[in-house]
Amino acid sequence: MTSGEDARLPFAQRLREALSDANLDALGELMDDHVTWGDVNDPRGCRNRRDVLATFARRRDQGVSGAVTELITGPQGILAVLSVRWPAAHSRAAKQTAYQVYVVRNELIVEVRGFDDRESALSALAMIS
């Protein structure tokens, strides 16, 4: 499939494929240049596309893998439920569920928000304006 054909797929499907394939180039194409993730005042917070992609790349290089188990779309965003596998040497549980809300404006992700539970993530998805 060419990138032109990729662009015609619904946005949520393109996000699912990019996350499932750990395709950072495809993921980057879905992001605004100024996308944020986490507390931008914290040194670990992501302030732009380069930061977000570097975080994904760093986790992948550490042996972290994940699969999208569910995708829920809202009027201004997408909730991705992820099954994340951490390497044995990591301090986190070997497998955990992660909830990420992707805020979308003008067909680009402008913010990534992480949540500890499904209810909080669904509530945030419903409140995006």
Protein backbone atom coordinates (compact mmCIF):
# COMPACT_ATOMS: atom_id res chain seq x y z
CA MET A 1 0.00 0.00 0.00
CA THR A 2 1.42 3.39 -0.93
CA SER A 3 1.39 6.34 1.43
CA GLY A 4 -1.23 7.99 -0.81
CA GLU A 5 -3.54 5.05 -0.19
CA ASP A 6 -2.72 5.23 3.53
CA ALA A 7 -3.90 8.84 3.62
CA ARG A 8 -7.36 7.80 2.39
CA LEU A 9 -7.89 5.35 5.24
CA PRO A 10 -9.93 6.66 8.16
CA PHE A 11 -7.72 8.44 10.68
CA ALA A 12 -8.41 5.95 13.50
CA GLN A 13 -7.48 3.01 11.28
CA ARG A 14 -4.23 4.71 10.29
CA LEU A 15 -3.46 5.27 13.99
CA ARG A 16 -4.21 1.62 14.80
CA GLU A 17 -1.88 0.42 12.03
CA ALA A 18 0.93 2.78 13.00
CA LEU A 19 0.75 1.73 16.66
CA SER A 20 0.34 -1.98 15.90
CA ASP A 21 3.27 -2.00 13.48
CA ALA A 22 5.41 0.30 15.69
CA ASN A 23 5.81 2.34 12.51
CA LEU A 24 7.21 5.62 13.76
CA ASP A 25 7.22 7.23 10.31
CA ALA A 26 3.50 6.53 9.89
CA LEU A 27 2.81 7.68 13.46
CA GLY A 28 4.75 10.88 12.87
CA GLU A 29 2.62 11.64 9.80
CA LEU A 30 -0.44 11.66 12.06
CA MET A 31 1.03 14.22 14.48
CA ASP A 32 1.08 17.98 14.55
CA ASP A 33 4.59 19.47 14.79
CA HIS A 34 3.73 20.81 18.26
CA VAL A 35 2.06 17.68 19.68
CA THR A 36 2.48 17.32 23.45
CA TRP A 37 2.48 14.29 25.75
CA GLY A 38 2.56 14.52 29.53
CA ASP A 39 3.54 17.48 31.64
CA VAL A 40 5.47 19.79 29.34
CA ASN A 41 7.01 21.47 32.42
CA ASP A 42 8.55 18.14 33.47
CA PRO A 43 11.90 17.34 31.83
CA ARG A 44 10.42 13.98 30.70
CA GLY A 45 7.37 15.63 29.08
CA CYS A 46 7.12 15.70 25.29
CA ARG A 47 6.81 19.13 23.71
CA ASN A 48 6.77 18.30 20.00
CA ARG A 49 6.62 15.50 17.42
CA ARG A 50 10.34 14.78 17.73
CA ASP A 51 10.00 14.27 21.51
CA VAL A 52 6.97 11.98 21.17
CA LEU A 53 8.57 9.83 18.49
CA ALA A 54 11.82 9.66 20.48
CA THR A 55 9.85 8.36 23.48
CA PHE A 56 8.19 5.66 21.36
CA ALA A 57 11.57 4.75 19.81
CA ARG A 58 13.29 4.60 23.20
CA ARG A 59 10.62 2.24 24.57
CA ARG A 60 10.78 0.05 21.46
CA ASP A 61 14.58 -0.09 21.72
CA GLN A 62 14.23 -1.14 25.40
CA GLY A 63 12.18 -4.13 24.26
CA VAL A 64 8.73 -2.77 25.09
CA SER A 65 6.03 -3.96 22.69
CA GLY A 66 2.33 -3.40 22.48
CA ALA A 67 -0.85 -4.21 20.67
CA VAL A 68 -4.00 -2.16 20.20
CA THR A 69 -6.82 -4.14 21.78
CA GLU A 70 -9.52 -1.52 21.31
CA LEU A 71 -9.98 1.83 19.60
CA ILE A 72 -12.82 4.15 20.55
CA THR A 73 -13.43 7.32 18.58
CA GLY A 74 -14.97 10.49 19.93
CA PRO A 75 -15.82 13.76 18.24
CA GLN A 76 -12.36 15.27 18.85
CA GLY A 77 -10.18 12.32 19.75
CA ILE A 78 -9.41 8.62 19.87
CA LEU A 79 -8.93 6.33 22.86
CA ALA A 80 -6.44 3.54 22.24
CA VAL A 81 -6.49 0.66 24.70
CA LEU A 82 -3.10 -1.03 24.53
CA SER A 83 -1.78 -4.30 25.84
CA VAL A 84 1.82 -3.44 26.68
CA ARG A 85 4.56 -6.00 27.30
CA TRP A 86 7.61 -4.83 29.23
CA PRO A 87 10.90 -6.75 29.18
CA ALA A 88 11.66 -8.88 32.25
CA ALA A 89 14.45 -6.54 33.38
CA HIS A 90 12.06 -3.57 33.61
CA SER A 91 10.56 -2.50 36.93
CA ARG A 92 6.99 -2.53 35.58
CA ALA A 93 4.73 -5.56 35.43
CA ALA A 94 5.53 -7.77 32.45
CA LYS A 95 2.15 -7.04 30.87
CA GLN A 96 -0.18 -4.17 31.53
CA THR A 97 -3.05 -2.31 29.93
CA ALA A 98 -2.45 1.30 28.94
CA TYR A 99 -5.08 3.87 28.02
CA GLN A 100 -4.02 6.69 25.72
CA VAL A 101 -6.29 9.44 24.47
CA TYR A 102 -5.14 11.13 21.28
CA VAL A 103 -6.62 14.62 20.87
CA VAL A 104 -7.16 15.31 17.16
CA ARG A 105 -7.51 18.70 15.47
CA ASN A 106 -7.57 19.19 11.70
CA GLU A 107 -6.74 15.49 11.15
CA LEU A 108 -3.57 15.67 13.26
CA ILE A 109 -2.81 14.53 16.80
CA VAL A 110 -2.13 17.60 18.92
CA GLU A 111 -1.94 15.94 22.34
CA VAL A 112 -1.43 12.49 23.85
CA ARG A 113 -2.88 11.87 27.31
CA GLY A 114 -2.17 8.77 29.35
CA PHE A 115 -4.62 7.30 31.87
CA ASP A 116 -4.45 4.55 34.47
CA ASP A 117 -7.97 3.26 33.94
CA ARG A 118 -10.65 2.92 31.29
CA GLU A 119 -13.25 5.10 33.04
CA SER A 120 -10.92 8.10 33.33
CA ALA A 121 -9.86 7.74 29.70
CA LEU A 122 -13.48 7.48 28.47
CA SER A 123 -14.45 10.51 30.54
CA ALA A 124 -11.56 12.54 29.09
CA LEU A 125 -12.46 11.44 25.54
CA ALA A 126 -16.04 12.62 26.04
CA MET A 127 -14.93 15.99 27.41
CA ILE A 128 -12.51 16.99 24.64
CA SER A 129 -13.79 20.16 22.99
